[in-house]
Amino acid sequence: MPNIATEDRHLTVLNLFTTDAADKQTSLLGAMREIVDAAAYPGWISSTVHSGQDKFGTANFIQWRSGEDLEKRYAGDEFQHRTWPLFSEITTSIRLLQTEIAFAQRHPSLGGVTEISPDRDDYTVIEVFLVADENQADLVDALGQDQEWLVDVEGYRSHSVLRGLKARGVEGAFVVAYSQWNDKESYDAFRATPAADQPAARQKAQARVDSLATSSDWNSYRVVHTRAAGQ
């Protein structure tokens, strides 16, 4: 199963699609599974498909050897004339985010690596933050090192911070937070905790994030399919 680790030096791509109906989400998932199961692109390492929970949409967590390999995929006839038109037809937004893993933290009970797999029961949240270019490094730090207090939150499993490199569908600098929770109830309770009831470390970290990020949006997901090169 794919892992999220800062020592990995490959390119991590998050393809985030939104749509406006359950049947379109089903069509998206079917198309993504088909592409993943047939993937044999030079430099492609793995793809892990996520199904939107709180809002209609999908996510694909993809690992590539390099940006050059990915750009060759984007420039190919299959992507240009089949994949892109198909996704454009059934989505309301498309964001193709090239990133690198900048930070990864897990609850101490989970061991030394963050795993993503349909064999796990994680309630996964992906949040995209926009930020001014000059503040990106500070936001990575605020979303990473400043969040060590999360290990004491009920239901928390892990979170990883991905530094944005370049993108289609996003203007300017960005940072992505990818987190795993026991279930929706745990995450909803965490998010709904009034500021006055939050520990001082959380309040301080959130104030720093709010001062740096220009906007953010999120959705929750379940991992439904994965495949790696050679399988």
C-alpha atoms as a PDB file:
ATOM      1  CA  MET A   1       0.000   0.000   0.000  1.00  0.00           C
ATOM      2  CA  PRO A   2       1.224   3.590  -0.623  1.00  0.00           C
ATOM      3  CA  ASN A   3       2.908   5.414   2.236  1.00  0.00           C
ATOM      4  CA  ILE A   4       3.266   9.115   3.038  1.00  0.00           C
ATOM      5  CA  ALA A   5       6.777   9.861   4.249  1.00  0.00           C
ATOM      6  CA  THR A   6       8.995  12.945   4.150  1.00  0.00           C
ATOM      7  CA  GLU A   7      12.000  10.850   3.155  1.00  0.00           C
ATOM      8  CA  ASP A   8      10.319   9.904  -0.121  1.00  0.00           C
ATOM      9  CA  ARG A   9      11.682  12.081  -2.891  1.00  0.00           C
ATOM     10  CA  HIS A  10       9.123  11.344  -5.569  1.00  0.00           C
ATOM     11  CA  LEU A  11       6.466  13.759  -6.794  1.00  0.00           C
ATOM     12  CA  THR A  12       3.083  13.506  -5.079  1.00  0.00           C
ATOM     13  CA  VAL A  13       0.099  14.576  -7.183  1.00  0.00           C
ATOM     14  CA  LEU A  14      -3.393  15.152  -5.808  1.00  0.00           C
ATOM     15  CA  ASN A  15      -6.089  15.261  -8.465  1.00  0.00           C
ATOM     16  CA  LEU A  16      -9.195  16.736  -6.833  1.00  0.00           C
ATOM     17  CA  PHE A  17     -12.506  16.656  -8.706  1.00  0.00           C
ATOM     18  CA  THR A  18     -15.855  18.044  -7.613  1.00  0.00           C
ATOM     19  CA  THR A  19     -19.226  17.278  -9.118  1.00  0.00           C
ATOM     20  CA  ASP A  20     -22.867  18.008  -8.344  1.00  0.00           C
ATOM     21  CA  ALA A  21     -24.657  14.656  -8.205  1.00  0.00           C
ATOM     22  CA  ALA A  22     -24.214  11.161  -6.808  1.00  0.00           C
ATOM     23  CA  ASP A  23     -24.454   9.490 -10.228  1.00  0.00           C
ATOM     24  CA  LYS A  24     -21.682  11.732 -11.571  1.00  0.00           C
ATOM     25  CA  GLN A  25     -19.486  10.824  -8.612  1.00  0.00           C
ATOM     26  CA  THR A  26     -20.116   7.158  -9.402  1.00  0.00           C
ATOM     27  CA  SER A  27     -19.149   7.768 -13.034  1.00  0.00           C
ATOM     28  CA  LEU A  28     -15.991   9.576 -11.927  1.00  0.00           C
ATOM     29  CA  LEU A  29     -14.986   6.714  -9.660  1.00  0.00           C
ATOM     30  CA  GLY A  30     -15.577   4.183 -12.421  1.00  0.00           C
ATOM     31  CA  ALA A  31     -13.489   6.154 -14.903  1.00  0.00           C
ATOM     32  CA  MET A  32     -10.699   6.629 -12.373  1.00  0.00           C
ATOM     33  CA  ARG A  33     -10.606   2.928 -11.511  1.00  0.00           C
ATOM     34  CA  GLU A  34     -10.375   2.072 -15.197  1.00  0.00           C
ATOM     35  CA  ILE A  35      -7.455   4.441 -15.722  1.00  0.00           C
ATOM     36  CA  VAL A  36      -5.642   3.273 -12.583  1.00  0.00           C
ATOM     37  CA  ASP A  37      -6.051  -0.415 -13.457  1.00  0.00           C
ATOM     38  CA  ALA A  38      -4.619   0.156 -16.935  1.00  0.00           C
ATOM     39  CA  ALA A  39      -1.815   2.503 -15.874  1.00  0.00           C
ATOM     40  CA  ALA A  40       1.607   1.684 -17.263  1.00  0.00           C
ATOM     41  CA  TYR A  41       3.084   5.155 -17.685  1.00  0.00           C
ATOM     42  CA  PRO A  42       6.855   5.662 -17.487  1.00  0.00           C
ATOM     43  CA  GLY A  43       7.664   7.038 -14.033  1.00  0.00           C
ATOM     44  CA  TRP A  44       4.239   6.246 -12.527  1.00  0.00           C
ATOM     45  CA  ILE A  45       4.526   4.654  -9.064  1.00  0.00           C
ATOM     46  CA  SER A  46       1.007   4.349  -7.614  1.00  0.00           C
ATOM     47  CA  SER A  47      -2.509   5.780  -7.586  1.00  0.00           C
ATOM     48  CA  THR A  48      -5.007   5.699  -4.719  1.00  0.00           C
ATOM     49  CA  VAL A  49      -8.618   6.680  -5.437  1.00  0.00           C
ATOM     50  CA  HIS A  50     -10.747   8.411  -2.791  1.00  0.00           C
ATOM     51  CA  SER A  51     -14.552   8.799  -2.811  1.00  0.00           C
ATOM     52  CA  GLY A  52     -16.016  12.071  -1.504  1.00  0.00           C
ATOM     53  CA  GLN A  53     -18.128  11.853   1.651  1.00  0.00           C
ATOM     54  CA  ASP A  54     -19.332  15.254   2.861  1.00  0.00           C
ATOM     55  CA  LYS A  55     -19.498  16.667  -0.675  1.00  0.00           C
ATOM     56  CA  PHE A  56     -19.700  15.028  -4.080  1.00  0.00           C
ATOM     57  CA  GLY A  57     -16.266  14.557  -5.550  1.00  0.00           C
ATOM     58  CA  THR A  58     -13.206  12.362  -5.800  1.00  0.00           C
ATOM     59  CA  ALA A  59      -9.498  12.528  -5.086  1.00  0.00           C
ATOM     60  CA  ASN A  60      -6.604  10.600  -6.561  1.00  0.00           C
ATOM     61  CA  PHE A  61      -3.365  10.465  -4.559  1.00  0.00           C
ATOM     62  CA  ILE A  62      -0.702   9.703  -7.161  1.00  0.00           C
ATOM     63  CA  GLN A  63       3.022   9.116  -6.789  1.00  0.00           C
ATOM     64  CA  TRP A  64       5.363   9.839  -9.697  1.00  0.00           C
ATOM     65  CA  ARG A  65       9.100   9.487 -10.141  1.00  0.00           C
ATOM     66  CA  SER A  66       9.417  13.076 -11.397  1.00  0.00           C
ATOM     67  CA  GLY A  67       7.602  16.088 -12.788  1.00  0.00           C
ATOM     68  CA  GLU A  68       9.036  15.334 -16.214  1.00  0.00           C
ATOM     69  CA  ASP A  69       7.317  11.944 -16.259  1.00  0.00           C
ATOM     70  CA  LEU A  70       4.016  13.537 -15.253  1.00  0.00           C
ATOM     71  CA  GLU A  71       4.232  16.227 -17.937  1.00  0.00           C
ATOM     72  CA  LYS A  72       4.772  13.538 -20.577  1.00  0.00           C
ATOM     73  CA  ARG A  73       1.544  11.914 -19.372  1.00  0.00           C
ATOM     74  CA  TYR A  74      -0.308  15.249 -19.618  1.00  0.00           C
ATOM     75  CA  ALA A  75       1.039  15.836 -23.122  1.00  0.00           C
ATOM     76  CA  GLY A  76       0.008  12.394 -24.401  1.00  0.00           C
ATOM     77  CA  ASP A  77      -2.887  11.815 -26.780  1.00  0.00           C
ATOM     78  CA  GLU A  78      -4.812   9.668 -24.282  1.00  0.00           C
ATOM     79  CA  PHE A  79      -4.845  12.407 -21.640  1.00  0.00           C
ATOM     80  CA  GLN A  80      -5.483  15.254 -24.088  1.00  0.00           C
ATOM     81  CA  HIS A  81      -8.223  13.615 -26.140  1.00  0.00           C
ATOM     82  CA  ARG A  82      -9.876  11.119 -23.805  1.00  0.00           C
ATOM     83  CA  THR A  83      -9.108  11.607 -20.112  1.00  0.00           C
ATOM     84  CA  TRP A  84      -9.340  15.397 -19.890  1.00  0.00           C
ATOM     85  CA  PRO A  85     -12.536  15.722 -22.000  1.00  0.00           C
ATOM     86  CA  LEU A  86     -14.204  12.910 -20.032  1.00  0.00           C
ATOM     87  CA  PHE A  87     -13.455  14.452 -16.649  1.00  0.00           C
ATOM     88  CA  SER A  88     -14.349  17.951 -17.857  1.00  0.00           C
ATOM     89  CA  GLU A  89     -17.780  16.705 -18.880  1.00  0.00           C
ATOM     90  CA  ILE A  90     -18.811  15.241 -15.507  1.00  0.00           C
ATOM     91  CA  THR A  91     -17.074  17.584 -13.046  1.00  0.00           C
ATOM     92  CA  THR A  92     -17.726  21.064 -11.728  1.00  0.00           C
ATOM     93  CA  SER A  93     -14.046  21.691 -10.924  1.00  0.00           C
ATOM     94  CA  ILE A  94     -10.695  20.054 -11.585  1.00  0.00           C
ATOM     95  CA  ARG A  95      -7.514  20.703  -9.610  1.00  0.00           C
ATOM     96  CA  LEU A  96      -4.333  18.847 -10.526  1.00  0.00           C
ATOM     97  CA  LEU A  97      -1.904  19.608  -7.705  1.00  0.00           C
ATOM     98  CA  GLN A  98       1.798  18.767  -7.864  1.00  0.00           C
ATOM     99  CA  THR A  99       3.312  18.647  -4.385  1.00  0.00           C
ATOM    100  CA  GLU A 100       6.081  17.331  -2.195  1.00  0.00           C
ATOM    101  CA  ILE A 101       5.674  15.820   1.276  1.00  0.00           C
ATOM    102  CA  ALA A 102       6.894  18.422   3.777  1.00  0.00           C
ATOM    103  CA  PHE A 103       5.657  16.988   7.098  1.00  0.00           C
ATOM    104  CA  ALA A 104       4.088  13.773   8.380  1.00  0.00           C
ATOM    105  CA  GLN A 105       2.869  13.014  11.900  1.00  0.00           C
ATOM    106  CA  ARG A 106       0.993  10.037  13.297  1.00  0.00           C
ATOM    107  CA  HIS A 107      -0.592   9.073  16.554  1.00  0.00           C
ATOM    108  CA  PRO A 108       2.076   7.157  18.520  1.00  0.00           C
ATOM    109  CA  SER A 109      -0.017   3.976  18.365  1.00  0.00           C
ATOM    110  CA  LEU A 110       0.217   3.846  14.556  1.00  0.00           C
ATOM    111  CA  GLY A 111       3.926   3.210  14.183  1.00  0.00           C
ATOM    112  CA  GLY A 112       6.435   4.911  11.953  1.00  0.00           C
ATOM    113  CA  VAL A 113       4.704   5.407   8.612  1.00  0.00           C
ATOM    114  CA  THR A 114       1.411   6.817   7.330  1.00  0.00           C
ATOM    115  CA  GLU A 115      -0.379   4.286   5.124  1.00  0.00           C
ATOM    116  CA  ILE A 116      -3.266   4.911   2.729  1.00  0.00           C
ATOM    117  CA  SER A 117      -5.291   1.951   1.536  1.00  0.00           C
ATOM    118  CA  PRO A 118      -8.869   0.731   0.960  1.00  0.00           C
ATOM    119  CA  ASP A 119      -8.019  -2.006   3.480  1.00  0.00           C
ATOM    120  CA  ARG A 120      -7.997   0.666   6.188  1.00  0.00           C
ATOM    121  CA  ASP A 121     -11.096   2.368   7.602  1.00  0.00           C
ATOM    122  CA  ASP A 122      -9.714   5.922   7.811  1.00  0.00           C
ATOM    123  CA  TYR A 123     -12.006   8.908   7.596  1.00  0.00           C
ATOM    124  CA  THR A 124      -9.741  11.077   5.441  1.00  0.00           C
ATOM    125  CA  VAL A 125      -9.870  14.858   5.139  1.00  0.00           C
ATOM    126  CA  ILE A 126      -8.082  16.818   2.412  1.00  0.00           C
ATOM    127  CA  GLU A 127      -7.896  20.592   2.877  1.00  0.00           C
ATOM    128  CA  VAL A 128      -6.368  22.963   0.329  1.00  0.00           C
ATOM    129  CA  PHE A 129      -5.038  26.313   1.544  1.00  0.00           C
ATOM    130  CA  LEU A 130      -4.174  29.208  -0.742  1.00  0.00           C
ATOM    131  CA  VAL A 131      -1.357  31.463   0.413  1.00  0.00           C
ATOM    132  CA  ALA A 132       0.858  34.276  -0.814  1.00  0.00           C
ATOM    133  CA  ASP A 133       4.112  33.009  -2.307  1.00  0.00           C
ATOM    134  CA  GLU A 134       6.204  34.638   0.387  1.00  0.00           C
ATOM    135  CA  ASN A 135       4.150  32.998   3.169  1.00  0.00           C
ATOM    136  CA  GLN A 136       4.061  29.428   1.854  1.00  0.00           C
ATOM    137  CA  ALA A 137       6.983  28.160   3.949  1.00  0.00           C
ATOM    138  CA  ASP A 138       5.506  29.681   7.114  1.00  0.00           C
ATOM    139  CA  LEU A 139       2.128  28.094   6.385  1.00  0.00           C
ATOM    140  CA  VAL A 140       3.769  24.688   5.904  1.00  0.00           C
ATOM    141  CA  ASP A 141       5.334  25.123   9.338  1.00  0.00           C
ATOM    142  CA  ALA A 142       2.069  26.312  10.896  1.00  0.00           C
ATOM    143  CA  LEU A 143       0.181  23.314   9.524  1.00  0.00           C
ATOM    144  CA  GLY A 144       2.973  20.909  10.424  1.00  0.00           C
ATOM    145  CA  GLN A 145       5.236  21.516  13.412  1.00  0.00           C
ATOM    146  CA  ASP A 146       2.666  23.739  15.121  1.00  0.00           C
ATOM    147  CA  GLN A 147       0.125  20.883  15.154  1.00  0.00           C
ATOM    148  CA  GLU A 148       1.891  18.463  17.497  1.00  0.00           C
ATOM    149  CA  TRP A 149      -0.966  18.881  19.995  1.00  0.00           C
ATOM    150  CA  LEU A 150      -3.187  16.853  17.643  1.00  0.00           C
ATOM    151  CA  VAL A 151      -1.888  13.590  19.110  1.00  0.00           C
ATOM    152  CA  ASP A 152      -4.044  14.303  22.172  1.00  0.00           C
ATOM    153  CA  VAL A 153      -7.264  14.783  20.186  1.00  0.00           C
ATOM    154  CA  GLU A 154      -9.819  11.981  20.388  1.00  0.00           C
ATOM    155  CA  GLY A 155     -10.042  10.082  17.106  1.00  0.00           C
ATOM    156  CA  TYR A 156      -6.921  11.578  15.522  1.00  0.00           C
ATOM    157  CA  ARG A 157      -4.742   9.198  13.490  1.00  0.00           C
ATOM    158  CA  SER A 158      -2.374  11.204  11.323  1.00  0.00           C
ATOM    159  CA  HIS A 159      -1.827  14.318   9.294  1.00  0.00           C
ATOM    160  CA  SER A 160       0.562  15.187   6.508  1.00  0.00           C
ATOM    161  CA  VAL A 161       1.434  18.521   4.932  1.00  0.00           C
ATOM    162  CA  LEU A 162       2.134  18.765   1.219  1.00  0.00           C
ATOM    163  CA  ARG A 163       3.935  21.811  -0.163  1.00  0.00           C
ATOM    164  CA  GLY A 164       2.478  22.949  -3.476  1.00  0.00           C
ATOM    165  CA  LEU A 165       4.881  23.060  -6.415  1.00  0.00           C
ATOM    166  CA  LYS A 166       2.651  23.786  -9.416  1.00  0.00           C
ATOM    167  CA  ALA A 167      -0.931  23.154 -10.401  1.00  0.00           C
ATOM    168  CA  ARG A 168      -3.686  23.207 -12.946  1.00  0.00           C
ATOM    169  CA  GLY A 169      -6.908  24.710 -11.628  1.00  0.00           C
ATOM    170  CA  VAL A 170      -5.265  26.715  -8.832  1.00  0.00           C
ATOM    171  CA  GLU A 171      -3.740  30.171  -9.138  1.00  0.00           C
ATOM    172  CA  GLY A 172      -0.727  30.982  -6.969  1.00  0.00           C
ATOM    173  CA  ALA A 173       0.895  29.196  -4.064  1.00  0.00           C
ATOM    174  CA  PHE A 174      -0.907  26.535  -2.050  1.00  0.00           C
ATOM    175  CA  VAL A 175      -0.453  23.997   0.734  1.00  0.00           C
ATOM    176  CA  VAL A 176      -2.425  20.780   1.267  1.00  0.00           C
ATOM    177  CA  ALA A 177      -3.232  19.097   4.591  1.00  0.00           C
ATOM    178  CA  TYR A 178      -4.087  15.383   4.379  1.00  0.00           C
ATOM    179  CA  SER A 179      -5.409  13.935   7.652  1.00  0.00           C
ATOM    180  CA  GLN A 180      -6.798  10.619   8.853  1.00  0.00           C
ATOM    181  CA  TRP A 181      -9.362  10.128  11.624  1.00  0.00           C
ATOM    182  CA  ASN A 182     -11.175   7.241  13.292  1.00  0.00           C
ATOM    183  CA  ASP A 183     -14.546   8.317  11.931  1.00  0.00           C
ATOM    184  CA  LYS A 184     -16.721  11.255  10.886  1.00  0.00           C
ATOM    185  CA  GLU A 185     -17.974  11.784  14.421  1.00  0.00           C
ATOM    186  CA  SER A 186     -14.444  12.303  15.728  1.00  0.00           C
ATOM    187  CA  TYR A 187     -13.584  14.802  13.024  1.00  0.00           C
ATOM    188  CA  ASP A 188     -16.870  16.708  13.308  1.00  0.00           C
ATOM    189  CA  ALA A 189     -16.426  16.978  17.086  1.00  0.00           C
ATOM    190  CA  PHE A 190     -12.877  18.236  16.608  1.00  0.00           C
ATOM    191  CA  ARG A 191     -13.934  20.860  14.088  1.00  0.00           C
ATOM    192  CA  ALA A 192     -16.935  21.986  16.126  1.00  0.00           C
ATOM    193  CA  THR A 193     -15.027  22.546  19.382  1.00  0.00           C
ATOM    194  CA  PRO A 194     -15.590  26.185  20.420  1.00  0.00           C
ATOM    195  CA  ALA A 195     -12.449  28.313  20.482  1.00  0.00           C
ATOM    196  CA  ALA A 196     -12.887  28.946  24.199  1.00  0.00           C
ATOM    197  CA  ASP A 197     -12.721  25.178  24.854  1.00  0.00           C
ATOM    198  CA  GLN A 198      -9.628  24.569  22.727  1.00  0.00           C
ATOM    199  CA  PRO A 199      -6.197  24.103  24.313  1.00  0.00           C
ATOM    200  CA  ALA A 200      -3.882  27.098  24.111  1.00  0.00           C
ATOM    201  CA  ALA A 201      -1.583  25.321  21.630  1.00  0.00           C
ATOM    202  CA  ARG A 202      -4.469  24.820  19.214  1.00  0.00           C
ATOM    203  CA  GLN A 203      -5.658  28.389  19.515  1.00  0.00           C
ATOM    204  CA  LYS A 204      -2.150  29.687  18.858  1.00  0.00           C
ATOM    205  CA  ALA A 205      -1.639  27.388  15.860  1.00  0.00           C
ATOM    206  CA  GLN A 206      -5.026  28.257  14.365  1.00  0.00           C
ATOM    207  CA  ALA A 207      -4.374  31.978  14.748  1.00  0.00           C
ATOM    208  CA  ARG A 208      -1.130  31.561  12.829  1.00  0.00           C
ATOM    209  CA  VAL A 209      -2.829  29.582  10.043  1.00  0.00           C
ATOM    210  CA  ASP A 210      -5.596  32.183   9.801  1.00  0.00           C
ATOM    211  CA  SER A 211      -3.028  34.971   9.500  1.00  0.00           C
ATOM    212  CA  LEU A 212      -1.211  33.238   6.631  1.00  0.00           C
ATOM    213  CA  ALA A 213      -3.812  31.433   4.513  1.00  0.00           C
ATOM    214  CA  THR A 214      -5.882  33.561   2.147  1.00  0.00           C
ATOM    215  CA  SER A 215      -8.592  30.898   1.753  1.00  0.00           C
ATOM    216  CA  SER A 216      -9.213  27.188   2.221  1.00  0.00           C
ATOM    217  CA  ASP A 217     -11.685  24.450   1.382  1.00  0.00           C
ATOM    218  CA  TRP A 218     -11.975  20.802   2.335  1.00  0.00           C
ATOM    219  CA  ASN A 219     -13.815  17.573   1.772  1.00  0.00           C
ATOM    220  CA  SER A 220     -13.794  14.197   3.480  1.00  0.00           C
ATOM    221  CA  TYR A 221     -13.126  10.890   1.731  1.00  0.00           C
ATOM    222  CA  ARG A 222     -12.930   7.132   1.951  1.00  0.00           C
ATOM    223  CA  VAL A 223     -10.154   5.333   0.101  1.00  0.00           C
ATOM    224  CA  VAL A 224     -11.809   2.922  -2.333  1.00  0.00           C
ATOM    225  CA  HIS A 225      -9.097   1.663  -4.693  1.00  0.00           C
ATOM    226  CA  THR A 226      -5.337   1.554  -5.077  1.00  0.00           C
ATOM    227  CA  ARG A 227      -2.771   0.081  -7.427  1.00  0.00           C
ATOM    228  CA  ALA A 228       0.998   0.353  -7.769  1.00  0.00           C
ATOM    229  CA  ALA A 229       3.306  -0.206 -10.711  1.00  0.00           C
ATOM    230  CA  GLY A 230       4.024  -3.876 -11.221  1.00  0.00           C
ATOM    231  CA  GLN A 231       0.707  -5.072  -9.773  1.00  0.00           C
END
